[in-house]
mmCIF file of all heavy atoms, coordinates in Angstrom:
data_MODEL
# 
_entry.id   MODEL 
# 
loop_
_atom_site.group_PDB 
_atom_site.id 
_atom_site.type_symbol 
_atom_site.label_atom_id 
_atom_site.label_alt_id 
_atom_site.label_comp_id 
_atom_site.label_asym_id 
_atom_site.label_entity_id 
_atom_site.label_seq_id 
_atom_site.pdbx_PDB_ins_code 
_atom_site.Cartn_x 
_atom_site.Cartn_y 
_atom_site.Cartn_z 
_atom_site.occupancy 
_atom_site.B_iso_or_equiv 
_atom_site.pdbx_formal_charge 
_atom_site.auth_seq_id 
_atom_site.auth_comp_id 
_atom_site.auth_asym_id 
_atom_site.auth_atom_id 
_atom_site.pdbx_PDB_model_num 
ATOM 1   N N   . SER A 1 1  ? 5.560  12.452  -0.849  1.00 0.00 ? 1  SER A N   1 
ATOM 2   C CA  . SER A 1 1  ? 5.745  11.139  -0.099  1.00 0.00 ? 1  SER A CA  1 
ATOM 3   C C   . SER A 1 1  ? 4.262  10.575  0.214   1.00 0.00 ? 1  SER A C   1 
ATOM 4   O O   . SER A 1 1  ? 4.045  9.470   -0.054  1.00 0.00 ? 1  SER A O   1 
ATOM 5   C CB  . SER A 1 1  ? 6.472  11.291  1.225   1.00 0.00 ? 1  SER A CB  1 
ATOM 6   O OG  . SER A 1 1  ? 7.735  11.737  0.969   1.00 0.00 ? 1  SER A OG  1 
ATOM 7   N N   . LEU A 1 2  ? 3.373  11.467  0.726   1.00 0.00 ? 2  LEU A N   1 
ATOM 8   C CA  . LEU A 1 2  ? 2.061  10.989  1.051   1.00 0.00 ? 2  LEU A CA  1 
ATOM 9   C C   . LEU A 1 2  ? 1.256  10.572  -0.188  1.00 0.00 ? 2  LEU A C   1 
ATOM 10  O O   . LEU A 1 2  ? 0.330  9.793   -0.085  1.00 0.00 ? 2  LEU A O   1 
ATOM 11  C CB  . LEU A 1 2  ? 1.369  12.091  1.741   1.00 0.00 ? 2  LEU A CB  1 
ATOM 12  C CG  . LEU A 1 2  ? 1.808  12.519  3.228   1.00 0.00 ? 2  LEU A CG  1 
ATOM 13  C CD1 . LEU A 1 2  ? 1.109  13.661  3.704   1.00 0.00 ? 2  LEU A CD1 1 
ATOM 14  C CD2 . LEU A 1 2  ? 1.755  11.299  4.089   1.00 0.00 ? 2  LEU A CD2 1 
ATOM 15  N N   . SER A 1 3  ? 1.675  11.159  -1.330  1.00 0.00 ? 3  SER A N   1 
ATOM 16  C CA  . SER A 1 3  ? 0.960  10.784  -2.589  1.00 0.00 ? 3  SER A CA  1 
ATOM 17  C C   . SER A 1 3  ? 1.126  9.322   -2.918  1.00 0.00 ? 3  SER A C   1 
ATOM 18  O O   . SER A 1 3  ? 0.305  8.811   -3.767  1.00 0.00 ? 3  SER A O   1 
ATOM 19  C CB  . SER A 1 3  ? 1.399  11.760  -3.680  1.00 0.00 ? 3  SER A CB  1 
ATOM 20  O OG  . SER A 1 3  ? 2.650  11.324  -4.145  1.00 0.00 ? 3  SER A OG  1 
ATOM 21  N N   . TYR A 1 4  ? 2.072  8.681   -2.397  1.00 0.00 ? 4  TYR A N   1 
ATOM 22  C CA  . TYR A 1 4  ? 2.305  7.277   -2.760  1.00 0.00 ? 4  TYR A CA  1 
ATOM 23  C C   . TYR A 1 4  ? 1.519  6.348   -1.864  1.00 0.00 ? 4  TYR A C   1 
ATOM 24  O O   . TYR A 1 4  ? 1.505  5.140   -2.111  1.00 0.00 ? 4  TYR A O   1 
ATOM 25  C CB  . TYR A 1 4  ? 3.803  6.933   -2.655  1.00 0.00 ? 4  TYR A CB  1 
ATOM 26  C CG  . TYR A 1 4  ? 4.544  7.032   -3.981  1.00 0.00 ? 4  TYR A CG  1 
ATOM 27  C CD1 . TYR A 1 4  ? 5.221  8.182   -4.404  1.00 0.00 ? 4  TYR A CD1 1 
ATOM 28  C CD2 . TYR A 1 4  ? 4.518  6.009   -4.906  1.00 0.00 ? 4  TYR A CD2 1 
ATOM 29  C CE1 . TYR A 1 4  ? 5.887  8.353   -5.534  1.00 0.00 ? 4  TYR A CE1 1 
ATOM 30  C CE2 . TYR A 1 4  ? 5.118  6.122   -6.129  1.00 0.00 ? 4  TYR A CE2 1 
ATOM 31  C CZ  . TYR A 1 4  ? 5.847  7.332   -6.475  1.00 0.00 ? 4  TYR A CZ  1 
ATOM 32  O OH  . TYR A 1 4  ? 6.477  7.363   -7.711  1.00 0.00 ? 4  TYR A OH  1 
ATOM 33  N N   . LEU A 1 5  ? 0.954  6.899   -0.765  1.00 0.00 ? 5  LEU A N   1 
ATOM 34  C CA  . LEU A 1 5  ? 0.111  5.933   0.013   1.00 0.00 ? 5  LEU A CA  1 
ATOM 35  C C   . LEU A 1 5  ? -1.004 5.178   -0.687  1.00 0.00 ? 5  LEU A C   1 
ATOM 36  O O   . LEU A 1 5  ? -1.226 4.047   -0.427  1.00 0.00 ? 5  LEU A O   1 
ATOM 37  C CB  . LEU A 1 5  ? -0.471 6.815   1.223   1.00 0.00 ? 5  LEU A CB  1 
ATOM 38  C CG  . LEU A 1 5  ? 0.563  7.196   2.357   1.00 0.00 ? 5  LEU A CG  1 
ATOM 39  C CD1 . LEU A 1 5  ? -0.203 8.015   3.323   1.00 0.00 ? 5  LEU A CD1 1 
ATOM 40  C CD2 . LEU A 1 5  ? 1.078  5.928   2.948   1.00 0.00 ? 5  LEU A CD2 1 
ATOM 41  N N   . PRO A 1 6  ? -1.755 5.878   -1.620  1.00 0.00 ? 6  PRO A N   1 
ATOM 42  C CA  . PRO A 1 6  ? -2.768 5.060   -2.308  1.00 0.00 ? 6  PRO A CA  1 
ATOM 43  C C   . PRO A 1 6  ? -2.225 3.934   -3.088  1.00 0.00 ? 6  PRO A C   1 
ATOM 44  O O   . PRO A 1 6  ? -2.818 2.919   -3.186  1.00 0.00 ? 6  PRO A O   1 
ATOM 45  C CB  . PRO A 1 6  ? -3.407 6.170   -3.263  1.00 0.00 ? 6  PRO A CB  1 
ATOM 46  C CG  . PRO A 1 6  ? -3.168 7.497   -2.574  1.00 0.00 ? 6  PRO A CG  1 
ATOM 47  C CD  . PRO A 1 6  ? -1.827 7.311   -1.912  1.00 0.00 ? 6  PRO A CD  1 
ATOM 48  N N   . LEU A 1 7  ? -0.976 4.158   -3.661  1.00 0.00 ? 7  LEU A N   1 
ATOM 49  C CA  . LEU A 1 7  ? -0.371 2.980   -4.400  1.00 0.00 ? 7  LEU A CA  1 
ATOM 50  C C   . LEU A 1 7  ? -0.088 1.836   -3.516  1.00 0.00 ? 7  LEU A C   1 
ATOM 51  O O   . LEU A 1 7  ? -0.238 0.731   -3.835  1.00 0.00 ? 7  LEU A O   1 
ATOM 52  C CB  . LEU A 1 7  ? 0.893  3.451   -5.026  1.00 0.00 ? 7  LEU A CB  1 
ATOM 53  C CG  . LEU A 1 7  ? 0.795  4.345   -6.311  1.00 0.00 ? 7  LEU A CG  1 
ATOM 54  C CD1 . LEU A 1 7  ? 2.086  4.601   -6.921  1.00 0.00 ? 7  LEU A CD1 1 
ATOM 55  C CD2 . LEU A 1 7  ? -0.155 3.733   -7.389  1.00 0.00 ? 7  LEU A CD2 1 
ATOM 56  N N   . VAL A 1 8  ? 0.405  2.158   -2.217  1.00 0.00 ? 8  VAL A N   1 
ATOM 57  C CA  . VAL A 1 8  ? 0.656  1.022   -1.277  1.00 0.00 ? 8  VAL A CA  1 
ATOM 58  C C   . VAL A 1 8  ? -0.570 0.312   -0.959  1.00 0.00 ? 8  VAL A C   1 
ATOM 59  O O   . VAL A 1 8  ? -0.554 -0.945  -0.715  1.00 0.00 ? 8  VAL A O   1 
ATOM 60  C CB  . VAL A 1 8  ? 1.291  1.656   -0.043  1.00 0.00 ? 8  VAL A CB  1 
ATOM 61  C CG1 . VAL A 1 8  ? 1.626  0.535   0.986   1.00 0.00 ? 8  VAL A CG1 1 
ATOM 62  C CG2 . VAL A 1 8  ? 2.674  2.332   -0.396  1.00 0.00 ? 8  VAL A CG2 1 
ATOM 63  N N   . PHE A 1 9  ? -1.720 0.851   -0.993  1.00 0.00 ? 9  PHE A N   1 
ATOM 64  C CA  . PHE A 1 9  ? -2.956 0.278   -0.710  1.00 0.00 ? 9  PHE A CA  1 
ATOM 65  C C   . PHE A 1 9  ? -3.548 -0.388  -1.941  1.00 0.00 ? 9  PHE A C   1 
ATOM 66  O O   . PHE A 1 9  ? -4.139 -1.507  -1.806  1.00 0.00 ? 9  PHE A O   1 
ATOM 67  C CB  . PHE A 1 9  ? -3.980 1.289   -0.160  1.00 0.00 ? 9  PHE A CB  1 
ATOM 68  C CG  . PHE A 1 9  ? -3.641 1.771   1.220   1.00 0.00 ? 9  PHE A CG  1 
ATOM 69  C CD1 . PHE A 1 9  ? -3.416 3.150   1.336   1.00 0.00 ? 9  PHE A CD1 1 
ATOM 70  C CD2 . PHE A 1 9  ? -3.567 0.906   2.289   1.00 0.00 ? 9  PHE A CD2 1 
ATOM 71  C CE1 . PHE A 1 9  ? -3.057 3.654   2.573   1.00 0.00 ? 9  PHE A CE1 1 
ATOM 72  C CE2 . PHE A 1 9  ? -3.277 1.534   3.519   1.00 0.00 ? 9  PHE A CE2 1 
ATOM 73  C CZ  . PHE A 1 9  ? -3.015 2.747   3.723   1.00 0.00 ? 9  PHE A CZ  1 
ATOM 74  N N   . CYS A 1 10 ? -3.380 0.191   -3.138  1.00 0.00 ? 10 CYS A N   1 
ATOM 75  C CA  . CYS A 1 10 ? -4.030 -0.418  -4.325  1.00 0.00 ? 10 CYS A CA  1 
ATOM 76  C C   . CYS A 1 10 ? -3.186 -1.316  -5.105  1.00 0.00 ? 10 CYS A C   1 
ATOM 77  O O   . CYS A 1 10 ? -3.737 -2.320  -5.602  1.00 0.00 ? 10 CYS A O   1 
ATOM 78  C CB  . CYS A 1 10 ? -4.399 0.805   -5.188  1.00 0.00 ? 10 CYS A CB  1 
ATOM 79  S SG  . CYS A 1 10 ? -5.632 1.943   -4.578  1.00 0.00 ? 10 CYS A SG  1 
ATOM 80  N N   . GLU A 1 11 ? -1.885 -1.183  -5.103  1.00 0.00 ? 11 GLU A N   1 
ATOM 81  C CA  . GLU A 1 11 ? -1.075 -2.007  -5.998  1.00 0.00 ? 11 GLU A CA  1 
ATOM 82  C C   . GLU A 1 11 ? -1.088 -3.440  -5.531  1.00 0.00 ? 11 GLU A C   1 
ATOM 83  O O   . GLU A 1 11 ? -1.051 -4.384  -6.363  1.00 0.00 ? 11 GLU A O   1 
ATOM 84  C CB  . GLU A 1 11 ? 0.339  -1.486  -5.950  1.00 0.00 ? 11 GLU A CB  1 
ATOM 85  C CG  . GLU A 1 11 ? 1.202  -2.168  -7.001  1.00 0.00 ? 11 GLU A CG  1 
ATOM 86  C CD  . GLU A 1 11 ? 2.523  -1.477  -7.287  1.00 0.00 ? 11 GLU A CD  1 
ATOM 87  O OE1 . GLU A 1 11 ? 2.531  -0.354  -7.613  1.00 0.00 ? 11 GLU A OE1 1 
ATOM 88  O OE2 . GLU A 1 11 ? 3.598  -2.149  -7.091  1.00 0.00 ? 11 GLU A OE2 1 
ATOM 89  N N   . PRO A 1 12 ? -1.134 -3.793  -4.197  1.00 0.00 ? 12 PRO A N   1 
ATOM 90  C CA  . PRO A 1 12 ? -1.148 -5.200  -3.841  1.00 0.00 ? 12 PRO A CA  1 
ATOM 91  C C   . PRO A 1 12 ? -2.376 -5.859  -4.419  1.00 0.00 ? 12 PRO A C   1 
ATOM 92  O O   . PRO A 1 12 ? -2.229 -7.086  -4.799  1.00 0.00 ? 12 PRO A O   1 
ATOM 93  C CB  . PRO A 1 12 ? -1.248 -5.230  -2.346  1.00 0.00 ? 12 PRO A CB  1 
ATOM 94  C CG  . PRO A 1 12 ? -0.442 -3.915  -1.945  1.00 0.00 ? 12 PRO A CG  1 
ATOM 95  C CD  . PRO A 1 12 ? -0.889 -2.977  -3.014  1.00 0.00 ? 12 PRO A CD  1 
ATOM 96  N N   . ILE A 1 13 ? -3.546 -5.243  -4.512  1.00 0.00 ? 13 ILE A N   1 
ATOM 97  C CA  . ILE A 1 13 ? -4.687 -5.882  -5.163  1.00 0.00 ? 13 ILE A CA  1 
ATOM 98  C C   . ILE A 1 13 ? -4.456 -6.133  -6.650  1.00 0.00 ? 13 ILE A C   1 
ATOM 99  O O   . ILE A 1 13 ? -4.782 -7.203  -7.071  1.00 0.00 ? 13 ILE A O   1 
ATOM 100 C CB  . ILE A 1 13 ? -5.893 -4.835  -4.982  1.00 0.00 ? 13 ILE A CB  1 
ATOM 101 C CG1 . ILE A 1 13 ? -6.237 -4.602  -3.517  1.00 0.00 ? 13 ILE A CG1 1 
ATOM 102 C CG2 . ILE A 1 13 ? -7.075 -5.426  -5.784  1.00 0.00 ? 13 ILE A CG2 1 
ATOM 103 C CD1 . ILE A 1 13 ? -7.256 -3.565  -3.243  1.00 0.00 ? 13 ILE A CD1 1 
ATOM 104 N N   . PHE A 1 14 ? -3.869 -5.164  -7.317  1.00 0.00 ? 14 PHE A N   1 
ATOM 105 C CA  . PHE A 1 14 ? -3.585 -5.416  -8.715  1.00 0.00 ? 14 PHE A CA  1 
ATOM 106 C C   . PHE A 1 14 ? -2.587 -6.532  -8.865  1.00 0.00 ? 14 PHE A C   1 
ATOM 107 O O   . PHE A 1 14 ? -2.748 -7.435  -9.774  1.00 0.00 ? 14 PHE A O   1 
ATOM 108 C CB  . PHE A 1 14 ? -2.899 -4.073  -9.331  1.00 0.00 ? 14 PHE A CB  1 
ATOM 109 C CG  . PHE A 1 14 ? -2.389 -4.174  -10.670 1.00 0.00 ? 14 PHE A CG  1 
ATOM 110 C CD1 . PHE A 1 14 ? -3.242 -4.156  -11.779 1.00 0.00 ? 14 PHE A CD1 1 
ATOM 111 C CD2 . PHE A 1 14 ? -1.033 -4.354  -10.948 1.00 0.00 ? 14 PHE A CD2 1 
ATOM 112 C CE1 . PHE A 1 14 ? -2.809 -4.280  -13.078 1.00 0.00 ? 14 PHE A CE1 1 
ATOM 113 C CE2 . PHE A 1 14 ? -0.461 -4.498  -12.233 1.00 0.00 ? 14 PHE A CE2 1 
ATOM 114 C CZ  . PHE A 1 14 ? -1.391 -4.421  -13.287 1.00 0.00 ? 14 PHE A CZ  1 
ATOM 115 N N   . THR A 1 15 ? -1.483 -6.561  -8.038  1.00 0.00 ? 15 THR A N   1 
ATOM 116 C CA  . THR A 1 15 ? -0.495 -7.644  -8.109  1.00 0.00 ? 15 THR A CA  1 
ATOM 117 C C   . THR A 1 15 ? -1.138 -8.982  -7.870  1.00 0.00 ? 15 THR A C   1 
ATOM 118 O O   . THR A 1 15 ? -0.834 -9.908  -8.629  1.00 0.00 ? 15 THR A O   1 
ATOM 119 C CB  . THR A 1 15 ? 0.593  -7.314  -7.064  1.00 0.00 ? 15 THR A CB  1 
ATOM 120 O OG1 . THR A 1 15 ? 1.219  -6.143  -7.327  1.00 0.00 ? 15 THR A OG1 1 
ATOM 121 C CG2 . THR A 1 15 ? 1.630  -8.491  -7.069  1.00 0.00 ? 15 THR A CG2 1 
ATOM 122 N N   . ARG A 1 16 ? -2.021 -9.040  -6.894  1.00 0.00 ? 16 ARG A N   1 
ATOM 123 C CA  . ARG A 1 16 ? -2.697 -10.329 -6.563  1.00 0.00 ? 16 ARG A CA  1 
ATOM 124 C C   . ARG A 1 16 ? -3.493 -10.819 -7.769  1.00 0.00 ? 16 ARG A C   1 
ATOM 125 O O   . ARG A 1 16 ? -3.532 -12.085 -8.040  1.00 0.00 ? 16 ARG A O   1 
ATOM 126 C CB  . ARG A 1 16 ? -3.513 -10.190 -5.308  1.00 0.00 ? 16 ARG A CB  1 
ATOM 127 C CG  . ARG A 1 16 ? -4.078 -11.407 -4.804  1.00 0.00 ? 16 ARG A CG  1 
ATOM 128 C CD  . ARG A 1 16 ? -3.042 -12.337 -4.011  1.00 0.00 ? 16 ARG A CD  1 
ATOM 129 N NE  . ARG A 1 16 ? -3.733 -13.474 -3.471  1.00 0.00 ? 16 ARG A NE  1 
ATOM 130 C CZ  . ARG A 1 16 ? -3.073 -14.402 -2.802  1.00 0.00 ? 16 ARG A CZ  1 
ATOM 131 N NH1 . ARG A 1 16 ? -1.795 -14.311 -2.611  1.00 0.00 ? 16 ARG A NH1 1 
ATOM 132 N NH2 . ARG A 1 16 ? -3.727 -15.429 -2.299  1.00 0.00 ? 16 ARG A NH2 1 
ATOM 133 N N   . VAL A 1 17 ? -4.241 -9.939  -8.358  1.00 0.00 ? 17 VAL A N   1 
ATOM 134 C CA  . VAL A 1 17 ? -5.005 -10.348 -9.487  1.00 0.00 ? 17 VAL A CA  1 
ATOM 135 C C   . VAL A 1 17 ? -4.196 -10.832 -10.699 1.00 0.00 ? 17 VAL A C   1 
ATOM 136 O O   . VAL A 1 17 ? -4.462 -11.856 -11.269 1.00 0.00 ? 17 VAL A O   1 
ATOM 137 C CB  . VAL A 1 17 ? -5.930 -9.108  -10.018 1.00 0.00 ? 17 VAL A CB  1 
ATOM 138 C CG1 . VAL A 1 17 ? -6.544 -9.443  -11.331 1.00 0.00 ? 17 VAL A CG1 1 
ATOM 139 C CG2 . VAL A 1 17 ? -6.964 -8.789  -8.930  1.00 0.00 ? 17 VAL A CG2 1 
ATOM 140 N N   . VAL A 1 18 ? -3.065 -10.081 -10.954 1.00 0.00 ? 18 VAL A N   1 
ATOM 141 C CA  . VAL A 1 18 ? -2.101 -10.569 -11.971 1.00 0.00 ? 18 VAL A CA  1 
ATOM 142 C C   . VAL A 1 18 ? -1.546 -11.900 -11.694 1.00 0.00 ? 18 VAL A C   1 
ATOM 143 O O   . VAL A 1 18 ? -1.443 -12.771 -12.613 1.00 0.00 ? 18 VAL A O   1 
ATOM 144 C CB  . VAL A 1 18 ? -1.011 -9.471  -12.191 1.00 0.00 ? 18 VAL A CB  1 
ATOM 145 C CG1 . VAL A 1 18 ? 0.047  -9.980  -13.086 1.00 0.00 ? 18 VAL A CG1 1 
ATOM 146 C CG2 . VAL A 1 18 ? -1.533 -8.123  -12.724 1.00 0.00 ? 18 VAL A CG2 1 
ATOM 147 N N   . LEU A 1 19 ? -1.139 -12.125 -10.488 1.00 0.00 ? 19 LEU A N   1 
ATOM 148 C CA  . LEU A 1 19 ? -0.518 -13.389 -10.095 1.00 0.00 ? 19 LEU A CA  1 
ATOM 149 C C   . LEU A 1 19 ? -1.536 -14.521 -10.272 1.00 0.00 ? 19 LEU A C   1 
ATOM 150 O O   . LEU A 1 19 ? -1.180 -15.631 -10.695 1.00 0.00 ? 19 LEU A O   1 
ATOM 151 C CB  . LEU A 1 19 ? 0.096  -13.323 -8.777  1.00 0.00 ? 19 LEU A CB  1 
ATOM 152 C CG  . LEU A 1 19 ? 1.278  -12.395 -8.556  1.00 0.00 ? 19 LEU A CG  1 
ATOM 153 C CD1 . LEU A 1 19 ? 1.798  -12.448 -7.113  1.00 0.00 ? 19 LEU A CD1 1 
ATOM 154 C CD2 . LEU A 1 19 ? 2.447  -12.733 -9.565  1.00 0.00 ? 19 LEU A CD2 1 
ATOM 155 N N   . LYS A 1 20 ? -2.743 -14.309 -9.791  1.00 0.00 ? 20 LYS A N   1 
ATOM 156 C CA  . LYS A 1 20 ? -3.789 -15.295 -9.924  1.00 0.00 ? 20 LYS A CA  1 
ATOM 157 C C   . LYS A 1 20 ? -4.001 -15.716 -11.342 1.00 0.00 ? 20 LYS A C   1 
ATOM 158 O O   . LYS A 1 20 ? -4.223 -16.856 -11.804 1.00 0.00 ? 20 LYS A O   1 
ATOM 159 C CB  . LYS A 1 20 ? -5.040 -14.878 -9.269  1.00 0.00 ? 20 LYS A CB  1 
ATOM 160 C CG  . LYS A 1 20 ? -5.072 -14.897 -7.734  1.00 0.00 ? 20 LYS A CG  1 
ATOM 161 C CD  . LYS A 1 20 ? -5.177 -16.364 -7.276  1.00 0.00 ? 20 LYS A CD  1 
ATOM 162 C CE  . LYS A 1 20 ? -5.474 -16.429 -5.739  1.00 0.00 ? 20 LYS A CE  1 
ATOM 163 N NZ  . LYS A 1 20 ? -5.495 -17.813 -5.309  1.00 0.00 ? 20 LYS A NZ  1 
ATOM 164 N N   . LEU A 1 21 ? -4.114 -14.603 -12.223 1.00 0.00 ? 21 LEU A N   1 
ATOM 165 C CA  . LEU A 1 21 ? -4.392 -14.876 -13.617 1.00 0.00 ? 21 LEU A CA  1 
ATOM 166 C C   . LEU A 1 21 ? -3.253 -15.593 -14.347 1.00 0.00 ? 21 LEU A C   1 
ATOM 167 O O   . LEU A 1 21 ? -3.477 -16.541 -15.013 1.00 0.00 ? 21 LEU A O   1 
ATOM 168 C CB  . LEU A 1 21 ? -4.639 -13.457 -14.311 1.00 0.00 ? 21 LEU A CB  1 
ATOM 169 C CG  . LEU A 1 21 ? -4.888 -13.562 -15.858 1.00 0.00 ? 21 LEU A CG  1 
ATOM 170 C CD1 . LEU A 1 21 ? -5.971 -14.396 -16.202 1.00 0.00 ? 21 LEU A CD1 1 
ATOM 171 C CD2 . LEU A 1 21 ? -4.870 -12.096 -16.376 1.00 0.00 ? 21 LEU A CD2 1 
ATOM 172 N N   . LEU A 1 22 ? -2.050 -15.199 -13.970 1.00 0.00 ? 22 LEU A N   1 
ATOM 173 C CA  . LEU A 1 22 ? -0.840 -15.963 -14.586 1.00 0.00 ? 22 LEU A CA  1 
ATOM 174 C C   . LEU A 1 22 ? -0.790 -17.352 -14.048 1.00 0.00 ? 22 LEU A C   1 
ATOM 175 O O   . LEU A 1 22 ? -0.483 -18.317 -14.832 1.00 0.00 ? 22 LEU A O   1 
ATOM 176 C CB  . LEU A 1 22 ? 0.430  -15.177 -14.261 1.00 0.00 ? 22 LEU A CB  1 
ATOM 177 C CG  . LEU A 1 22 ? 0.615  -13.810 -14.933 1.00 0.00 ? 22 LEU A CG  1 
ATOM 178 C CD1 . LEU A 1 22 ? 1.868  -13.126 -14.462 1.00 0.00 ? 22 LEU A CD1 1 
ATOM 179 C CD2 . LEU A 1 22 ? 0.773  -14.107 -16.476 1.00 0.00 ? 22 LEU A CD2 1 
ATOM 180 N N   . SER A 1 23 ? -1.081 -17.596 -12.853 1.00 0.00 ? 23 SER A N   1 
ATOM 181 C CA  . SER A 1 23 ? -1.091 -18.912 -12.238 1.00 0.00 ? 23 SER A CA  1 
ATOM 182 C C   . SER A 1 23 ? -2.029 -19.826 -13.026 1.00 0.00 ? 23 SER A C   1 
ATOM 183 O O   . SER A 1 23 ? -1.746 -21.030 -13.285 1.00 0.00 ? 23 SER A O   1 
ATOM 184 C CB  . SER A 1 23 ? -1.484 -18.848 -10.709 1.00 0.00 ? 23 SER A CB  1 
ATOM 185 O OG  . SER A 1 23 ? -1.416 -20.179 -10.208 1.00 0.00 ? 23 SER A OG  1 
ATOM 186 N N   . ARG A 1 24 ? -3.259 -19.393 -13.326 1.00 0.00 ? 24 ARG A N   1 
ATOM 187 C CA  . ARG A 1 24 ? -4.239 -20.204 -14.091 1.00 0.00 ? 24 ARG A CA  1 
ATOM 188 C C   . ARG A 1 24 ? -3.701 -20.376 -15.520 1.00 0.00 ? 24 ARG A C   1 
ATOM 189 O O   . ARG A 1 24 ? -3.839 -21.479 -16.019 1.00 0.00 ? 24 ARG A O   1 
ATOM 190 C CB  . ARG A 1 24 ? -5.564 -19.450 -14.088 1.00 0.00 ? 24 ARG A CB  1 
ATOM 191 C CG  . ARG A 1 24 ? -6.185 -19.389 -12.748 1.00 0.00 ? 24 ARG A CG  1 
ATOM 192 C CD  . ARG A 1 24 ? -7.526 -18.673 -12.800 1.00 0.00 ? 24 ARG A CD  1 
ATOM 193 N NE  . ARG A 1 24 ? -8.165 -18.597 -11.330 1.00 0.00 ? 24 ARG A NE  1 
ATOM 194 C CZ  . ARG A 1 24 ? -9.206 -17.947 -11.087 1.00 0.00 ? 24 ARG A CZ  1 
ATOM 195 N NH1 . ARG A 1 24 ? -9.857 -17.297 -12.080 1.00 0.00 ? 24 ARG A NH1 1 
ATOM 196 N NH2 . ARG A 1 24 ? -9.697 -17.928 -9.926  1.00 0.00 ? 24 ARG A NH2 1 
# 
C-alpha cells in the first residue's frame, strides 16, 4: 500500500503535462 504513495504524488504532474500538451 505504501509503495503507491509516490505514484499519488508523481502521477498528477504527469497527467497535468499530458493534458496541457493535448489541449495545445
